[in-house]
Amino acid sequence: MLEKERQFYAANSKEWVQAHPGKFVLVKDETLVGVFNTIDEALAAGASKYGLSSFLVRQLGQDEQVVTIPALTLGLLRADP
């Protein structure tokens, strides 16, 4: 999941961090959708544009932190009631 976005981020992050250090980027497929001041802004823009589809948000210049929520990964929790 998000492999295409991760590869695109890895290929371009050095350039982006020079132009936007400390900012948050929103990546979908192989497109830089936007650069934001806060993670909340980036997540809101991604949710607004892509709904429940996956997208990548990363802070430029920070080490990658992988967050795994097993219940979501295994399908034990759903967004639908």
Protein backbone atom coordinates (compact mmCIF):
# COMPACT_ATOMS: atom_id res chain seq x y z
CA MET A 1 0.00 0.00 0.00
CA LEU A 2 1.27 3.47 -0.95
CA GLU A 3 4.34 1.96 -2.63
CA LYS A 4 4.04 4.27 -5.64
CA GLU A 5 3.74 7.32 -3.36
CA ARG A 6 6.72 6.24 -1.22
CA GLN A 7 8.93 5.75 -4.27
CA PHE A 8 7.91 9.13 -5.70
CA TYR A 9 8.57 10.81 -2.34
CA ALA A 10 12.00 9.14 -2.03
CA ALA A 11 12.96 10.24 -5.55
CA ASN A 12 11.96 13.88 -4.97
CA SER A 13 12.25 14.62 -1.25
CA LYS A 14 15.76 16.12 -1.41
CA GLU A 15 14.59 18.73 -3.89
CA TRP A 16 11.41 19.43 -1.93
CA VAL A 17 13.20 19.78 1.42
CA GLN A 18 15.46 22.45 -0.11
CA ALA A 19 12.45 24.44 -1.25
CA HIS A 20 10.10 23.75 1.69
CA PRO A 21 12.03 22.66 4.81
CA GLY A 22 9.82 21.46 7.66
CA LYS A 23 6.61 21.67 5.60
CA PHE A 24 4.18 18.79 5.03
CA VAL A 25 3.69 17.34 1.56
CA LEU A 26 0.66 15.51 0.21
CA VAL A 27 1.45 12.88 -2.42
CA LYS A 28 -1.00 10.82 -4.46
CA ASP A 29 0.27 8.32 -7.03
CA GLU A 30 3.22 10.12 -8.66
CA THR A 31 1.98 13.65 -8.02
CA LEU A 32 2.92 16.24 -5.44
CA VAL A 33 -0.58 17.49 -4.66
CA GLY A 34 0.45 20.25 -2.27
CA VAL A 35 2.75 21.64 0.40
CA PHE A 36 1.25 22.63 3.75
CA ASN A 37 2.31 24.32 6.98
CA THR A 38 0.69 21.75 9.29
CA ILE A 39 -0.14 18.07 9.19
CA ASP A 40 -3.78 18.94 9.88
CA GLU A 41 -3.93 21.08 6.73
CA ALA A 42 -2.33 18.32 4.65
CA LEU A 43 -4.63 15.60 6.01
CA ALA A 44 -7.73 17.76 5.56
CA ALA A 45 -6.79 18.50 1.94
CA GLY A 46 -6.14 14.82 1.26
CA ALA A 47 -9.41 13.71 2.87
CA SER A 48 -11.34 16.41 1.01
CA LYS A 49 -9.84 15.48 -2.36
CA TYR A 50 -9.52 11.69 -2.04
CA GLY A 51 -12.07 10.68 0.60
CA LEU A 52 -11.34 7.17 1.87
CA SER A 53 -8.68 6.47 -0.78
CA SER A 54 -5.11 6.27 0.50
CA PHE A 55 -2.62 9.11 0.12
CA LEU A 56 0.75 9.96 1.65
CA VAL A 57 1.53 12.87 3.99
CA ARG A 58 5.10 13.42 5.15
CA GLN A 59 7.00 16.19 6.89
CA LEU A 60 10.00 17.23 4.86
CA GLY A 61 13.33 16.72 6.56
CA GLN A 62 12.01 14.27 9.16
CA ASP A 63 12.84 10.58 9.47
CA GLU A 64 10.10 8.23 8.34
CA GLN A 65 7.78 7.01 11.08
CA VAL A 66 5.71 3.98 10.22
CA VAL A 67 2.37 3.81 12.00
CA THR A 68 0.49 0.56 11.86
CA ILE A 69 -2.99 0.04 13.23
CA PRO A 70 -3.47 -3.75 13.11
CA ALA A 71 -7.25 -3.65 13.52
CA LEU A 72 -7.55 -1.45 10.43
CA THR A 73 -4.98 -3.45 8.48
CA LEU A 74 -6.79 -6.71 9.20
CA GLY A 75 -10.18 -5.19 8.44
CA LEU A 76 -11.47 -5.59 11.99
CA LEU A 77 -12.52 -1.94 12.16
CA ARG A 78 -14.42 -0.21 9.42
CA ALA A 79 -15.22 3.39 8.67
CA ASP A 80 -18.73 2.34 7.59
CA PRO A 81 -21.31 1.82 10.36
